[in-house]
C-alpha atoms as a PDB file:
ATOM      1  CA  MET A   1       0.000   0.000   0.000  1.00  0.00           C
ATOM      2  CA  GLN A   2       2.836   2.350   0.876  1.00  0.00           C
ATOM      3  CA  GLN A   3       4.541   1.702  -2.477  1.00  0.00           C
ATOM      4  CA  LYS A   4       1.329   2.555  -4.344  1.00  0.00           C
ATOM      5  CA  ASN A   5       1.073   5.925  -2.597  1.00  0.00           C
ATOM      6  CA  GLN A   6       4.700   6.687  -3.414  1.00  0.00           C
ATOM      7  CA  SER A   7       4.180   5.921  -7.095  1.00  0.00           C
ATOM      8  CA  GLN A   8       1.271   8.376  -7.245  1.00  0.00           C
ATOM      9  CA  GLN A   9       3.610  11.244  -6.300  1.00  0.00           C
ATOM     10  CA  PHE A  10       5.217  11.248  -9.756  1.00  0.00           C
ATOM     11  CA  ASN A  11       3.472  13.685 -12.097  1.00  0.00           C
ATOM     12  CA  PRO A  12       4.459  13.861 -15.789  1.00  0.00           C
ATOM     13  CA  SER A  13       5.066  17.425 -16.946  1.00  0.00           C
ATOM     14  CA  ASN A  14       2.420  17.124 -19.672  1.00  0.00           C
ATOM     15  CA  GLN A  15      -0.240  16.653 -16.981  1.00  0.00           C
ATOM     16  CA  MET A  16       0.612  19.854 -15.136  1.00  0.00           C
ATOM     17  CA  PRO A  17      -0.454  23.440 -15.914  1.00  0.00           C
ATOM     18  CA  PRO A  18       2.426  25.387 -17.533  1.00  0.00           C
ATOM     19  CA  GLN A  19       2.871  27.803 -14.615  1.00  0.00           C
ATOM     20  CA  GLN A  20       3.469  24.821 -12.289  1.00  0.00           C
ATOM     21  CA  ASN A  21       5.820  23.011 -14.655  1.00  0.00           C
ATOM     22  CA  HIS A  22       8.923  23.825 -12.602  1.00  0.00           C
ATOM     23  CA  GLY A  23      11.189  21.751 -10.395  1.00  0.00           C
ATOM     24  CA  GLY A  24      12.434  23.084  -7.086  1.00  0.00           C
ATOM     25  CA  HIS A  25      16.073  22.992  -8.205  1.00  0.00           C
ATOM     26  CA  GLU A  26      15.377  25.046 -11.313  1.00  0.00           C
ATOM     27  CA  LEU A  27      13.417  27.635  -9.332  1.00  0.00           C
ATOM     28  CA  PHE A  28      16.360  28.123  -6.983  1.00  0.00           C
ATOM     29  CA  ASP A  29      18.729  28.484  -9.952  1.00  0.00           C
ATOM     30  CA  ALA A  30      16.343  30.790 -11.811  1.00  0.00           C
ATOM     31  CA  HIS A  31      16.010  33.051  -8.777  1.00  0.00           C
ATOM     32  CA  GLU A  32      19.800  33.223  -8.452  1.00  0.00           C
ATOM     33  CA  ALA A  33      20.192  34.028 -12.156  1.00  0.00           C
ATOM     34  CA  ILE A  34      17.466  36.695 -12.145  1.00  0.00           C
ATOM     35  CA  SER A  35      18.778  38.237  -8.924  1.00  0.00           C
ATOM     36  CA  GLY A  36      22.244  38.424 -10.476  1.00  0.00           C
ATOM     37  CA  LEU A  37      20.785  40.126 -13.536  1.00  0.00           C
ATOM     38  CA  ILE A  38      19.020  42.666 -11.306  1.00  0.00           C
ATOM     39  CA  GLY A  39      22.271  43.311  -9.444  1.00  0.00           C
ATOM     40  CA  GLY A  40      24.101  43.999 -12.701  1.00  0.00           C
ATOM     41  CA  MET A  41      21.383  46.358 -13.933  1.00  0.00           C
ATOM     42  CA  GLU A  42      21.415  48.263 -10.645  1.00  0.00           C
ATOM     43  CA  GLN A  43      25.199  48.545 -10.788  1.00  0.00           C
ATOM     44  CA  TYR A  44      24.855  50.037 -14.275  1.00  0.00           C
ATOM     45  CA  LEU A  45      22.783  52.828 -12.693  1.00  0.00           C
ATOM     46  CA  LEU A  46      25.677  53.642 -10.377  1.00  0.00           C
ATOM     47  CA  TYR A  47      28.325  53.446 -13.096  1.00  0.00           C
ATOM     48  CA  GLU A  48      26.592  55.683 -15.633  1.00  0.00           C
ATOM     49  CA  GLN A  49      27.071  58.935 -13.686  1.00  0.00           C
ATOM     50  CA  HIS A  50      30.847  58.365 -13.446  1.00  0.00           C
ATOM     51  CA  ILE A  51      31.560  57.585 -17.130  1.00  0.00           C
ATOM     52  CA  GLN A  52      33.659  60.137 -19.009  1.00  0.00           C
ATOM     53  CA  ASP A  53      33.777  58.621 -22.508  1.00  0.00           C
ATOM     54  CA  PRO A  54      30.533  59.127 -24.501  1.00  0.00           C
ATOM     55  CA  GLU A  55      31.236  55.872 -26.366  1.00  0.00           C
ATOM     56  CA  LEU A  56      31.301  53.859 -23.155  1.00  0.00           C
ATOM     57  CA  LYS A  57      28.207  55.649 -21.846  1.00  0.00           C
ATOM     58  CA  SER A  58      26.342  54.844 -25.065  1.00  0.00           C
ATOM     59  CA  MET A  59      27.379  51.187 -24.761  1.00  0.00           C
ATOM     60  CA  LEU A  60      26.192  51.030 -21.161  1.00  0.00           C
ATOM     61  CA  GLN A  61      22.837  52.560 -22.128  1.00  0.00           C
ATOM     62  CA  ARG A  62      22.379  50.017 -24.949  1.00  0.00           C
ATOM     63  CA  HIS A  63      23.208  47.200 -22.565  1.00  0.00           C
ATOM     64  CA  LYS A  64      20.828  48.553 -19.938  1.00  0.00           C
ATOM     65  CA  ALA A  65      17.930  48.760 -22.420  1.00  0.00           C
ATOM     66  CA  PHE A  66      18.604  45.259 -23.740  1.00  0.00           C
ATOM     67  CA  LEU A  67      18.959  43.746 -20.266  1.00  0.00           C
ATOM     68  CA  SER A  68      15.703  45.392 -19.173  1.00  0.00           C
ATOM     69  CA  GLN A  69      13.824  43.639 -21.973  1.00  0.00           C
ATOM     70  CA  LEU A  70      15.639  40.382 -21.229  1.00  0.00           C
ATOM     71  CA  TYR A  71      14.613  40.687 -17.586  1.00  0.00           C
ATOM     72  CA  ASN A  72      10.944  41.146 -18.524  1.00  0.00           C
ATOM     73  CA  THR A  73      11.091  38.166 -20.884  1.00  0.00           C
ATOM     74  CA  VAL A  74      12.603  35.875 -18.245  1.00  0.00           C
ATOM     75  CA  VAL A  75      10.203  36.996 -15.504  1.00  0.00           C
ATOM     76  CA  GLN A  76       7.119  36.534 -17.677  1.00  0.00           C
ATOM     77  CA  THR A  77       8.268  33.063 -18.715  1.00  0.00           C
ATOM     78  CA  LEU A  78       8.953  32.116 -15.102  1.00  0.00           C
ATOM     79  CA  LYS A  79       5.451  33.222 -14.055  1.00  0.00           C
ATOM     80  CA  THR A  80       3.515  31.643 -16.935  1.00  0.00           C
ATOM     81  CA  GLY A  81       5.666  28.723 -18.070  1.00  0.00           C
ATOM     82  CA  GLN A  82       4.722  29.686 -21.623  1.00  0.00           C
ATOM     83  CA  ASP A  83       6.178  31.658 -24.529  1.00  0.00           C
ATOM     84  CA  PRO A  84       6.702  35.295 -23.484  1.00  0.00           C
ATOM     85  CA  ALA A  85       5.053  38.182 -25.329  1.00  0.00           C
ATOM     86  CA  VAL A  86       8.519  39.424 -26.377  1.00  0.00           C
ATOM     87  CA  LYS A  87      10.781  36.537 -27.335  1.00  0.00           C
ATOM     88  CA  THR A  88      14.526  36.528 -26.784  1.00  0.00           C
ATOM     89  CA  GLN A  89      16.146  39.189 -28.952  1.00  0.00           C
ATOM     90  CA  SER A  90      19.622  39.207 -30.552  1.00  0.00           C
ATOM     91  CA  TYR A  91      22.078  41.812 -29.287  1.00  0.00           C
ATOM     92  CA  GLN A  92      24.025  43.546 -32.053  1.00  0.00           C
ATOM     93  CA  MET A  93      27.273  45.104 -30.860  1.00  0.00           C
ATOM     94  CA  THR A  94      28.703  48.198 -32.538  1.00  0.00           C
ATOM     95  CA  GLU A  95      32.408  47.584 -31.852  1.00  0.00           C
ATOM     96  CA  SER A  96      34.493  46.153 -34.710  1.00  0.00           C
ATOM     97  CA  ASN A  97      36.138  42.751 -34.218  1.00  0.00           C
ATOM     98  CA  ASP A  98      39.631  44.196 -34.630  1.00  0.00           C
ATOM     99  CA  VAL A  99      41.909  43.277 -31.726  1.00  0.00           C
ATOM    100  CA  LEU A 100      45.145  45.084 -30.871  1.00  0.00           C
ATOM    101  CA  TYR A 101      47.922  42.608 -30.087  1.00  0.00           C
ATOM    102  CA  GLY A 102      50.956  43.402 -27.993  1.00  0.00           C
ATOM    103  CA  THR A 103      51.653  45.120 -24.712  1.00  0.00           C
ATOM    104  CA  GLN A 104      53.000  48.470 -23.575  1.00  0.00           C
ATOM    105  CA  PRO A 105      54.189  49.595 -20.122  1.00  0.00           C
ATOM    106  CA  THR A 106      51.518  50.893 -17.772  1.00  0.00           C
ATOM    107  CA  GLN A 107      51.418  52.134 -14.210  1.00  0.00           C
ATOM    108  CA  PRO A 108      50.872  49.376 -11.620  1.00  0.00           C
ATOM    109  CA  LYS A 109      47.228  49.084 -10.612  1.00  0.00           C
ATOM    110  CA  LYS A 110      45.903  49.565  -7.095  1.00  0.00           C
ATOM    111  CA  PRO A 111      42.375  49.797  -5.650  1.00  0.00           C
ATOM    112  CA  ALA A 112      40.678  53.182  -5.816  1.00  0.00           C
ATOM    113  CA  GLN A 113      40.421  54.897  -2.442  1.00  0.00           C
ATOM    114  CA  ALA A 114      37.693  57.394  -3.352  1.00  0.00           C
ATOM    115  CA  VAL A 115      34.715  57.449  -5.718  1.00  0.00           C
ATOM    116  CA  ASN A 116      36.257  60.250  -7.783  1.00  0.00           C
ATOM    117  CA  GLU A 117      39.161  57.924  -8.609  1.00  0.00           C
ATOM    118  CA  LEU A 118      36.852  55.600 -10.549  1.00  0.00           C
ATOM    119  CA  ASN A 119      37.537  56.049 -14.256  1.00  0.00           C
ATOM    120  CA  ASP A 120      36.377  54.469 -17.516  1.00  0.00           C
ATOM    121  CA  GLU A 121      38.886  51.652 -17.157  1.00  0.00           C
ATOM    122  CA  CYS A 122      37.393  50.748 -13.761  1.00  0.00           C
ATOM    123  CA  ILE A 123      33.817  51.019 -14.986  1.00  0.00           C
ATOM    124  CA  SER A 124      34.361  48.944 -18.127  1.00  0.00           C
ATOM    125  CA  SER A 125      35.948  46.304 -15.900  1.00  0.00           C
ATOM    126  CA  PHE A 126      32.891  46.362 -13.604  1.00  0.00           C
ATOM    127  CA  MET A 127      30.625  45.939 -16.639  1.00  0.00           C
ATOM    128  CA  MET A 128      32.691  42.997 -17.856  1.00  0.00           C
ATOM    129  CA  GLY A 129      32.549  41.295 -14.457  1.00  0.00           C
ATOM    130  CA  SER A 130      28.770  41.656 -14.233  1.00  0.00           C
ATOM    131  CA  LEU A 131      28.188  40.274 -17.736  1.00  0.00           C
ATOM    132  CA  LYS A 132      30.584  37.359 -17.236  1.00  0.00           C
ATOM    133  CA  SER A 133      28.790  36.462 -14.019  1.00  0.00           C
ATOM    134  CA  SER A 134      25.358  36.493 -15.699  1.00  0.00           C
ATOM    135  CA  ALA A 135      26.629  34.520 -18.705  1.00  0.00           C
ATOM    136  CA  SER A 136      27.978  31.838 -16.356  1.00  0.00           C
ATOM    137  CA  ILE A 137      24.896  31.521 -14.137  1.00  0.00           C
ATOM    138  CA  PHE A 138      22.503  31.593 -17.110  1.00  0.00           C
ATOM    139  CA  THR A 139      24.483  28.720 -18.651  1.00  0.00           C
ATOM    140  CA  MET A 140      24.465  26.672 -15.450  1.00  0.00           C
ATOM    141  CA  THR A 141      20.746  27.355 -14.967  1.00  0.00           C
ATOM    142  CA  ALA A 142      19.848  26.245 -18.504  1.00  0.00           C
ATOM    143  CA  LEU A 143      21.591  22.888 -18.084  1.00  0.00           C
ATOM    144  CA  GLU A 144      19.066  21.434 -15.608  1.00  0.00           C
ATOM    145  CA  MET A 145      15.742  23.084 -16.409  1.00  0.00           C
ATOM    146  CA  THR A 146      12.508  21.114 -16.393  1.00  0.00           C
ATOM    147  CA  ASN A 147      10.319  23.758 -18.051  1.00  0.00           C
ATOM    148  CA  PRO A 148      11.312  23.679 -21.749  1.00  0.00           C
ATOM    149  CA  VAL A 149      10.247  27.277 -22.483  1.00  0.00           C
ATOM    150  CA  LEU A 150      12.138  28.774 -19.548  1.00  0.00           C
ATOM    151  CA  ARG A 151      15.164  26.642 -20.421  1.00  0.00           C
ATOM    152  CA  ARG A 152      15.120  27.984 -23.979  1.00  0.00           C
ATOM    153  CA  VAL A 153      14.906  31.595 -22.761  1.00  0.00           C
ATOM    154  CA  PHE A 154      17.918  31.153 -20.481  1.00  0.00           C
ATOM    155  CA  GLN A 155      19.817  29.221 -23.150  1.00  0.00           C
ATOM    156  CA  ASP A 156      19.122  31.726 -25.932  1.00  0.00           C
ATOM    157  CA  SER A 157      20.122  34.618 -23.668  1.00  0.00           C
ATOM    158  CA  VAL A 158      23.659  33.328 -23.112  1.00  0.00           C
ATOM    159  CA  PRO A 159      24.984  34.344 -26.583  1.00  0.00           C
ATOM    160  CA  ASN A 160      23.656  37.869 -25.997  1.00  0.00           C
ATOM    161  CA  LEU A 161      25.426  38.177 -22.653  1.00  0.00           C
ATOM    162  CA  ILE A 162      28.594  36.873 -24.306  1.00  0.00           C
ATOM    163  CA  GLU A 163      28.208  39.398 -27.127  1.00  0.00           C
ATOM    164  CA  MET A 164      27.855  42.285 -24.680  1.00  0.00           C
ATOM    165  CA  ALA A 165      30.860  41.115 -22.648  1.00  0.00           C
ATOM    166  CA  TYR A 166      32.905  40.752 -25.834  1.00  0.00           C
ATOM    167  CA  GLU A 167      31.907  44.262 -26.859  1.00  0.00           C
ATOM    168  CA  VAL A 168      33.257  45.517 -23.528  1.00  0.00           C
ATOM    169  CA  PHE A 169      36.468  43.549 -24.084  1.00  0.00           C
ATOM    170  CA  LEU A 170      36.946  45.136 -27.530  1.00  0.00           C
ATOM    171  CA  TYR A 171      36.400  48.584 -26.023  1.00  0.00           C
ATOM    172  CA  GLN A 172      38.929  47.864 -23.263  1.00  0.00           C
ATOM    173  CA  ASN A 173      41.424  46.485 -25.753  1.00  0.00           C
ATOM    174  CA  LYS A 174      41.093  49.517 -28.039  1.00  0.00           C
ATOM    175  CA  HIS A 175      41.898  51.818 -25.121  1.00  0.00           C
ATOM    176  CA  HIS A 176      44.775  49.607 -23.878  1.00  0.00           C
ATOM    177  CA  TYR A 177      42.910  48.716 -20.689  1.00  0.00           C
ATOM    178  CA  TYR A 178      42.955  45.033 -21.723  1.00  0.00           C
ATOM    179  CA  GLN A 179      46.265  44.210 -23.393  1.00  0.00           C
ATOM    180  CA  VAL A 180      46.777  41.024 -25.393  1.00  0.00           C
ATOM    181  CA  PRO A 181      50.287  39.582 -25.278  1.00  0.00           C
ATOM    182  CA  GLN A 182      51.312  36.970 -27.846  1.00  0.00           C
ATOM    183  CA  LEU A 183      53.714  34.052 -27.836  1.00  0.00           C
ATOM    184  CA  LYS A 184      56.784  33.973 -30.037  1.00  0.00           C
ATOM    185  CA  PRO A 185      55.840  32.762 -33.578  1.00  0.00           C
ATOM    186  CA  GLU A 186      57.571  29.392 -33.106  1.00  0.00           C
ATOM    187  CA  ASP A 187      55.800  28.829 -29.774  1.00  0.00           C
ATOM    188  CA  MET A 188      52.475  29.873 -31.275  1.00  0.00           C
ATOM    189  CA  GLN A 189      52.976  27.423 -34.143  1.00  0.00           C
ATOM    190  CA  LEU A 190      53.828  24.660 -31.680  1.00  0.00           C
ATOM    191  CA  TYR A 191      50.556  25.207 -29.818  1.00  0.00           C
ATOM    192  CA  THR A 192      48.343  25.635 -32.900  1.00  0.00           C
ATOM    193  CA  ASN A 193      49.745  22.391 -34.368  1.00  0.00           C
ATOM    194  CA  SER A 194      49.436  20.401 -31.135  1.00  0.00           C
ATOM    195  CA  PHE A 195      46.333  18.521 -32.306  1.00  0.00           C
ATOM    196  CA  ALA A 196      45.568  16.386 -35.343  1.00  0.00           C
ATOM    197  CA  PRO A 197      42.170  15.467 -36.839  1.00  0.00           C
ATOM    198  CA  ILE A 198      40.720  11.985 -36.403  1.00  0.00           C
ATOM    199  CA  GLN A 199      41.391   9.946 -39.544  1.00  0.00           C
ATOM    200  CA  GLY A 200      38.345   8.438 -41.241  1.00  0.00           C
ATOM    201  CA  GLY A 201      35.900  10.607 -39.303  1.00  0.00           C
ATOM    202  CA  PRO A 202      32.777  12.148 -40.838  1.00  0.00           C
ATOM    203  CA  MET A 203      33.508  14.676 -43.530  1.00  0.00           C
ATOM    204  CA  PRO A 204      32.216  18.233 -42.995  1.00  0.00           C
ATOM    205  CA  HIS A 205      29.243  19.215 -45.150  1.00  0.00           C
END
């Protein structure tokens, strides 16, 4: 009799209303991911007033607008379990993909001791950290979702967070905040030729 009662506790997802089609684990992860997104958006509010470069300020404002819509999409999907009114969008960055290689001497870094010491290098670094954090938690959250619509929203949002973070990286690189050293050509060749294709594997289409 006890085993019969236990077996009745299992409910297939297709027999549940969409708004209840969530596992406890995914709700905990979703709350952490959404809370992290809120934290990043609120930090953007603090950063904006300290930005000097109009280009960086414009980037932050584009990010903020995009993240606001993303937030609404995720929250609606969480509440309803169904397709949101505004589906996941695609973020289009404005920075070119050109990367500056090499390094040049800079002053050693140290933590700012006053708010007026925060500059565009600091703020772009803060933006990068926030986006990297959201990209990571959105990825981890999407891996173990039970609601297929919410999983797709988290999953499809990851490339956008990556795109925004990469845009920040390109900005930092252009202004020498993020320098990119290279190996010697012979060392680079050694590493790029370290792997060989599998013989007899499927041919690319």
